[in-house]
Amino acid sequence: MIGGRRFVGLLVSAVLAVGALFGTAASAQAYSPNPSLSKYYYDTDGCPCSGGNLTDPFDGTSFAYDAGGLAVKMEMSDAGWFIGKVEFHPYDEKLWVYDTRNDGDSYVVSVSYTSGGSYHYVGIFQPPGTSATVDLMVADLDIPEGAYVDISVYDDTERSDLIGAARGTGAAVA
């Protein structure tokens, strides 16, 4: 027997640690029904723009001037609570993803684009999920100028429960 009681003690400790790890790592529950989704589009030829429906309880939104761009803001709410927003900024082609309700649930954002007649998948983006009131991640999409950007918001990481989708445009090629 290798180490006798000490081996058994280590084995029991390891099993308990693994059980505690998996016991506390429960996945977030999906919203049911899905949150409501509002979409706002801005032609960035007329920006800088802010205020109006770009105002929200957290930081508001402002879009910079970028000729030929179409900016998108998507807001989600559930039972009267503002729970998150997604913004596509044509200037520098940035995606901003916010989780604004510390409720143990989140969502994922899938991004793809079409350019030169070809479809390109960019990736999945999700706020970090901390204990902060507002979680934010900003992604540099690194897409070509003038590309059509498809943004899909899902209530689950498997991307089987679509909340809504929108399409923006990176700034036009000069």
C-alpha atoms as a PDB file:
ATOM      1  CA  MET A   1       0.000   0.000   0.000  1.00  0.00           C
ATOM      2  CA  ILE A   2       1.473   3.342  -1.031  1.00  0.00           C
ATOM      3  CA  GLY A   3       1.611   5.640   1.946  1.00  0.00           C
ATOM      4  CA  GLY A   4      -1.393   4.033   3.694  1.00  0.00           C
ATOM      5  CA  ARG A   5      -3.606   6.544   5.455  1.00  0.00           C
ATOM      6  CA  ARG A   6      -1.810   9.494   3.942  1.00  0.00           C
ATOM      7  CA  PHE A   7      -2.637   8.277   0.398  1.00  0.00           C
ATOM      8  CA  VAL A   8      -6.300   7.680   1.320  1.00  0.00           C
ATOM      9  CA  GLY A   9      -6.452  11.116   2.952  1.00  0.00           C
ATOM     10  CA  LEU A  10      -5.022  12.768  -0.173  1.00  0.00           C
ATOM     11  CA  LEU A  11      -7.431  10.835  -2.395  1.00  0.00           C
ATOM     12  CA  VAL A  12     -10.461  11.866  -0.302  1.00  0.00           C
ATOM     13  CA  SER A  13      -9.278  15.505  -0.304  1.00  0.00           C
ATOM     14  CA  ALA A  14      -8.884  15.458  -4.082  1.00  0.00           C
ATOM     15  CA  VAL A  15     -12.373  13.993  -4.594  1.00  0.00           C
ATOM     16  CA  LEU A  16     -13.906  16.603  -2.267  1.00  0.00           C
ATOM     17  CA  ALA A  17     -12.049  19.429  -4.034  1.00  0.00           C
ATOM     18  CA  VAL A  18     -13.259  18.269  -7.454  1.00  0.00           C
ATOM     19  CA  GLY A  19     -16.824  17.959  -6.120  1.00  0.00           C
ATOM     20  CA  ALA A  20     -16.684  21.456  -4.675  1.00  0.00           C
ATOM     21  CA  LEU A  21     -15.319  22.827  -7.945  1.00  0.00           C
ATOM     22  CA  PHE A  22     -18.101  21.310 -10.042  1.00  0.00           C
ATOM     23  CA  GLY A  23     -20.746  22.013  -7.419  1.00  0.00           C
ATOM     24  CA  THR A  24     -20.058  25.749  -7.516  1.00  0.00           C
ATOM     25  CA  ALA A  25     -19.607  26.055 -11.272  1.00  0.00           C
ATOM     26  CA  ALA A  26     -23.278  25.753 -12.200  1.00  0.00           C
ATOM     27  CA  SER A  27     -24.170  27.279 -15.546  1.00  0.00           C
ATOM     28  CA  ALA A  28     -26.314  30.389 -15.685  1.00  0.00           C
ATOM     29  CA  GLN A  29     -30.026  29.955 -16.248  1.00  0.00           C
ATOM     30  CA  ALA A  30     -31.441  31.221 -19.503  1.00  0.00           C
ATOM     31  CA  TYR A  31     -34.036  33.968 -19.487  1.00  0.00           C
ATOM     32  CA  SER A  32     -37.483  32.558 -20.173  1.00  0.00           C
ATOM     33  CA  PRO A  33     -39.054  34.096 -22.091  1.00  0.00           C
ATOM     34  CA  ASN A  34     -36.178  35.846 -23.823  1.00  0.00           C
ATOM     35  CA  PRO A  35     -35.435  39.454 -22.879  1.00  0.00           C
ATOM     36  CA  SER A  36     -36.957  42.170 -25.038  1.00  0.00           C
ATOM     37  CA  LEU A  37     -34.570  43.671 -27.555  1.00  0.00           C
ATOM     38  CA  SER A  38     -34.541  47.211 -28.963  1.00  0.00           C
ATOM     39  CA  LYS A  39     -32.322  48.115 -31.931  1.00  0.00           C
ATOM     40  CA  TYR A  40     -31.092  51.546 -32.972  1.00  0.00           C
ATOM     41  CA  TYR A  41     -29.207  52.312 -36.188  1.00  0.00           C
ATOM     42  CA  TYR A  42     -27.135  55.428 -36.905  1.00  0.00           C
ATOM     43  CA  ASP A  43     -25.648  56.526 -40.207  1.00  0.00           C
ATOM     44  CA  THR A  44     -22.256  57.723 -38.990  1.00  0.00           C
ATOM     45  CA  ASP A  45     -22.025  60.218 -41.872  1.00  0.00           C
ATOM     46  CA  GLY A  46     -24.116  62.430 -39.542  1.00  0.00           C
ATOM     47  CA  CYS A  47     -22.144  61.803 -36.348  1.00  0.00           C
ATOM     48  CA  PRO A  48     -20.753  62.473 -33.796  1.00  0.00           C
ATOM     49  CA  CYS A  49     -24.059  61.518 -32.221  1.00  0.00           C
ATOM     50  CA  SER A  50     -25.301  60.887 -28.710  1.00  0.00           C
ATOM     51  CA  GLY A  51     -28.364  61.527 -26.579  1.00  0.00           C
ATOM     52  CA  GLY A  52     -31.922  60.516 -27.427  1.00  0.00           C
ATOM     53  CA  ASN A  53     -32.286  56.753 -27.684  1.00  0.00           C
ATOM     54  CA  LEU A  54     -28.505  56.409 -27.259  1.00  0.00           C
ATOM     55  CA  THR A  55     -28.871  57.442 -23.619  1.00  0.00           C
ATOM     56  CA  ASP A  56     -29.092  54.608 -21.091  1.00  0.00           C
ATOM     57  CA  PRO A  57     -28.725  54.240 -17.306  1.00  0.00           C
ATOM     58  CA  PHE A  58     -25.071  53.192 -17.466  1.00  0.00           C
ATOM     59  CA  ASP A  59     -22.838  55.228 -19.722  1.00  0.00           C
ATOM     60  CA  GLY A  60     -24.898  56.344 -22.660  1.00  0.00           C
ATOM     61  CA  THR A  61     -23.599  55.728 -26.134  1.00  0.00           C
ATOM     62  CA  SER A  62     -21.906  57.987 -28.614  1.00  0.00           C
ATOM     63  CA  PHE A  63     -20.844  57.177 -32.141  1.00  0.00           C
ATOM     64  CA  ALA A  64     -17.989  58.939 -33.940  1.00  0.00           C
ATOM     65  CA  TYR A  65     -18.075  60.279 -37.477  1.00  0.00           C
ATOM     66  CA  ASP A  66     -17.093  57.621 -40.001  1.00  0.00           C
ATOM     67  CA  ALA A  67     -18.148  58.142 -43.629  1.00  0.00           C
ATOM     68  CA  GLY A  68     -20.256  55.272 -44.949  1.00  0.00           C
ATOM     69  CA  GLY A  69     -20.642  53.504 -41.603  1.00  0.00           C
ATOM     70  CA  LEU A  70     -23.850  52.202 -40.031  1.00  0.00           C
ATOM     71  CA  ALA A  71     -23.603  51.969 -36.232  1.00  0.00           C
ATOM     72  CA  VAL A  72     -25.821  49.662 -34.182  1.00  0.00           C
ATOM     73  CA  LYS A  73     -26.968  49.717 -30.571  1.00  0.00           C
ATOM     74  CA  MET A  74     -28.991  46.805 -29.173  1.00  0.00           C
ATOM     75  CA  GLU A  75     -30.527  47.050 -25.688  1.00  0.00           C
ATOM     76  CA  MET A  76     -31.981  44.150 -23.712  1.00  0.00           C
ATOM     77  CA  SER A  77     -34.403  44.303 -20.817  1.00  0.00           C
ATOM     78  CA  ASP A  78     -36.214  41.710 -18.751  1.00  0.00           C
ATOM     79  CA  ALA A  79     -39.182  42.380 -16.458  1.00  0.00           C
ATOM     80  CA  GLY A  80     -38.434  46.116 -16.525  1.00  0.00           C
ATOM     81  CA  TRP A  81     -34.706  45.711 -15.792  1.00  0.00           C
ATOM     82  CA  PHE A  82     -32.044  46.924 -18.242  1.00  0.00           C
ATOM     83  CA  ILE A  83     -29.847  43.798 -18.480  1.00  0.00           C
ATOM     84  CA  GLY A  84     -27.369  44.523 -21.256  1.00  0.00           C
ATOM     85  CA  LYS A  85     -26.402  46.228 -24.468  1.00  0.00           C
ATOM     86  CA  VAL A  86     -24.313  45.558 -27.536  1.00  0.00           C
ATOM     87  CA  GLU A  87     -22.820  48.319 -29.669  1.00  0.00           C
ATOM     88  CA  PHE A  88     -21.107  48.163 -33.037  1.00  0.00           C
ATOM     89  CA  HIS A  89     -18.940  51.223 -33.655  1.00  0.00           C
ATOM     90  CA  PRO A  90     -17.887  51.573 -37.328  1.00  0.00           C
ATOM     91  CA  TYR A  91     -15.052  53.906 -36.357  1.00  0.00           C
ATOM     92  CA  ASP A  92     -12.188  51.422 -35.767  1.00  0.00           C
ATOM     93  CA  GLU A  93     -14.739  48.551 -36.105  1.00  0.00           C
ATOM     94  CA  LYS A  94     -15.212  47.940 -32.372  1.00  0.00           C
ATOM     95  CA  LEU A  95     -17.809  45.785 -30.632  1.00  0.00           C
ATOM     96  CA  TRP A  96     -18.812  46.787 -27.105  1.00  0.00           C
ATOM     97  CA  VAL A  97     -20.669  44.148 -25.052  1.00  0.00           C
ATOM     98  CA  TYR A  98     -22.167  45.050 -21.666  1.00  0.00           C
ATOM     99  CA  ASP A  99     -23.838  42.920 -18.993  1.00  0.00           C
ATOM    100  CA  THR A 100     -25.606  45.459 -16.788  1.00  0.00           C
ATOM    101  CA  ARG A 101     -27.481  43.202 -14.376  1.00  0.00           C
ATOM    102  CA  ASN A 102     -25.515  41.176 -11.848  1.00  0.00           C
ATOM    103  CA  ASP A 103     -28.069  38.324 -11.858  1.00  0.00           C
ATOM    104  CA  GLY A 104     -25.914  35.277 -12.598  1.00  0.00           C
ATOM    105  CA  ASP A 105     -27.083  35.176 -16.216  1.00  0.00           C
ATOM    106  CA  SER A 106     -25.461  36.533 -19.319  1.00  0.00           C
ATOM    107  CA  TYR A 107     -25.639  36.221 -23.085  1.00  0.00           C
ATOM    108  CA  VAL A 108     -23.254  35.667 -25.979  1.00  0.00           C
ATOM    109  CA  VAL A 109     -22.743  37.667 -29.156  1.00  0.00           C
ATOM    110  CA  SER A 110     -21.753  36.053 -32.437  1.00  0.00           C
ATOM    111  CA  VAL A 111     -20.183  38.267 -35.109  1.00  0.00           C
ATOM    112  CA  SER A 112     -19.571  37.618 -38.789  1.00  0.00           C
ATOM    113  CA  TYR A 113     -19.090  39.858 -41.793  1.00  0.00           C
ATOM    114  CA  THR A 114     -19.459  39.857 -45.543  1.00  0.00           C
ATOM    115  CA  SER A 115     -16.848  41.544 -47.703  1.00  0.00           C
ATOM    116  CA  GLY A 116     -15.951  41.139 -51.351  1.00  0.00           C
ATOM    117  CA  GLY A 117     -18.741  38.600 -51.783  1.00  0.00           C
ATOM    118  CA  SER A 118     -17.328  36.280 -49.090  1.00  0.00           C
ATOM    119  CA  TYR A 119     -18.667  35.385 -45.647  1.00  0.00           C
ATOM    120  CA  HIS A 120     -16.245  35.491 -42.682  1.00  0.00           C
ATOM    121  CA  TYR A 121     -16.873  34.308 -39.131  1.00  0.00           C
ATOM    122  CA  VAL A 122     -15.228  36.557 -36.514  1.00  0.00           C
ATOM    123  CA  GLY A 123     -16.101  34.857 -33.218  1.00  0.00           C
ATOM    124  CA  ILE A 124     -18.145  34.718 -30.035  1.00  0.00           C
ATOM    125  CA  PHE A 125     -17.987  37.515 -27.475  1.00  0.00           C
ATOM    126  CA  GLN A 126     -19.313  37.604 -23.917  1.00  0.00           C
ATOM    127  CA  PRO A 127     -18.979  40.004 -20.996  1.00  0.00           C
ATOM    128  CA  PRO A 128     -16.566  38.708 -18.336  1.00  0.00           C
ATOM    129  CA  GLY A 129     -19.236  37.836 -15.708  1.00  0.00           C
ATOM    130  CA  THR A 130     -17.742  39.344 -12.565  1.00  0.00           C
ATOM    131  CA  SER A 131     -19.501  40.554  -9.423  1.00  0.00           C
ATOM    132  CA  ALA A 132     -19.359  44.144 -10.719  1.00  0.00           C
ATOM    133  CA  THR A 133     -22.616  45.933 -11.488  1.00  0.00           C
ATOM    134  CA  VAL A 134     -21.504  46.452 -15.094  1.00  0.00           C
ATOM    135  CA  ASP A 135     -19.300  44.016 -16.988  1.00  0.00           C
ATOM    136  CA  LEU A 136     -17.840  45.269 -20.251  1.00  0.00           C
ATOM    137  CA  MET A 137     -15.690  43.795 -22.960  1.00  0.00           C
ATOM    138  CA  VAL A 138     -14.532  45.649 -26.048  1.00  0.00           C
ATOM    139  CA  ALA A 139     -13.364  43.723 -29.107  1.00  0.00           C
ATOM    140  CA  ASP A 140     -11.412  45.044 -32.065  1.00  0.00           C
ATOM    141  CA  LEU A 141     -13.131  43.256 -34.931  1.00  0.00           C
ATOM    142  CA  ASP A 142     -10.297  43.904 -37.388  1.00  0.00           C
ATOM    143  CA  ILE A 143     -12.588  43.727 -40.409  1.00  0.00           C
ATOM    144  CA  PRO A 144     -12.252  45.367 -43.823  1.00  0.00           C
ATOM    145  CA  GLU A 145     -13.673  48.805 -44.482  1.00  0.00           C
ATOM    146  CA  GLY A 146     -17.153  48.652 -45.993  1.00  0.00           C
ATOM    147  CA  ALA A 147     -17.939  45.155 -44.687  1.00  0.00           C
ATOM    148  CA  TYR A 148     -21.491  44.254 -43.648  1.00  0.00           C
ATOM    149  CA  VAL A 149     -21.308  43.193 -39.997  1.00  0.00           C
ATOM    150  CA  ASP A 150     -23.867  40.674 -38.707  1.00  0.00           C
ATOM    151  CA  ILE A 151     -24.415  40.684 -34.948  1.00  0.00           C
ATOM    152  CA  SER A 152     -26.481  37.920 -33.327  1.00  0.00           C
ATOM    153  CA  VAL A 153     -27.302  37.842 -29.607  1.00  0.00           C
ATOM    154  CA  TYR A 154     -28.005  34.480 -27.984  1.00  0.00           C
ATOM    155  CA  ASP A 155     -29.284  33.536 -24.528  1.00  0.00           C
ATOM    156  CA  ASP A 156     -27.032  30.473 -24.351  1.00  0.00           C
ATOM    157  CA  THR A 157     -23.447  29.569 -25.146  1.00  0.00           C
ATOM    158  CA  GLU A 158     -24.599  26.846 -27.540  1.00  0.00           C
ATOM    159  CA  ARG A 159     -26.182  29.587 -29.710  1.00  0.00           C
ATOM    160  CA  SER A 160     -29.486  27.759 -29.963  1.00  0.00           C
ATOM    161  CA  ASP A 161     -31.668  30.454 -28.331  1.00  0.00           C
ATOM    162  CA  LEU A 162     -31.550  33.590 -30.499  1.00  0.00           C
ATOM    163  CA  ILE A 163     -32.621  36.810 -28.747  1.00  0.00           C
ATOM    164  CA  GLY A 164     -32.181  38.988 -31.833  1.00  0.00           C
ATOM    165  CA  ALA A 165     -29.876  40.132 -34.610  1.00  0.00           C
ATOM    166  CA  ALA A 166     -28.828  43.311 -36.406  1.00  0.00           C
ATOM    167  CA  ARG A 167     -26.555  44.373 -39.245  1.00  0.00           C
ATOM    168  CA  GLY A 168     -24.160  47.297 -39.289  1.00  0.00           C
ATOM    169  CA  THR A 169     -21.613  48.480 -41.837  1.00  0.00           C
ATOM    170  CA  GLY A 170     -17.961  49.283 -41.404  1.00  0.00           C
ATOM    171  CA  ALA A 171     -17.003  52.615 -42.933  1.00  0.00           C
ATOM    172  CA  ALA A 172     -16.929  52.688 -46.710  1.00  0.00           C
ATOM    173  CA  VAL A 173     -13.709  52.467 -48.625  1.00  0.00           C
ATOM    174  CA  ALA A 174     -12.652  55.956 -49.687  1.00  0.00           C
END
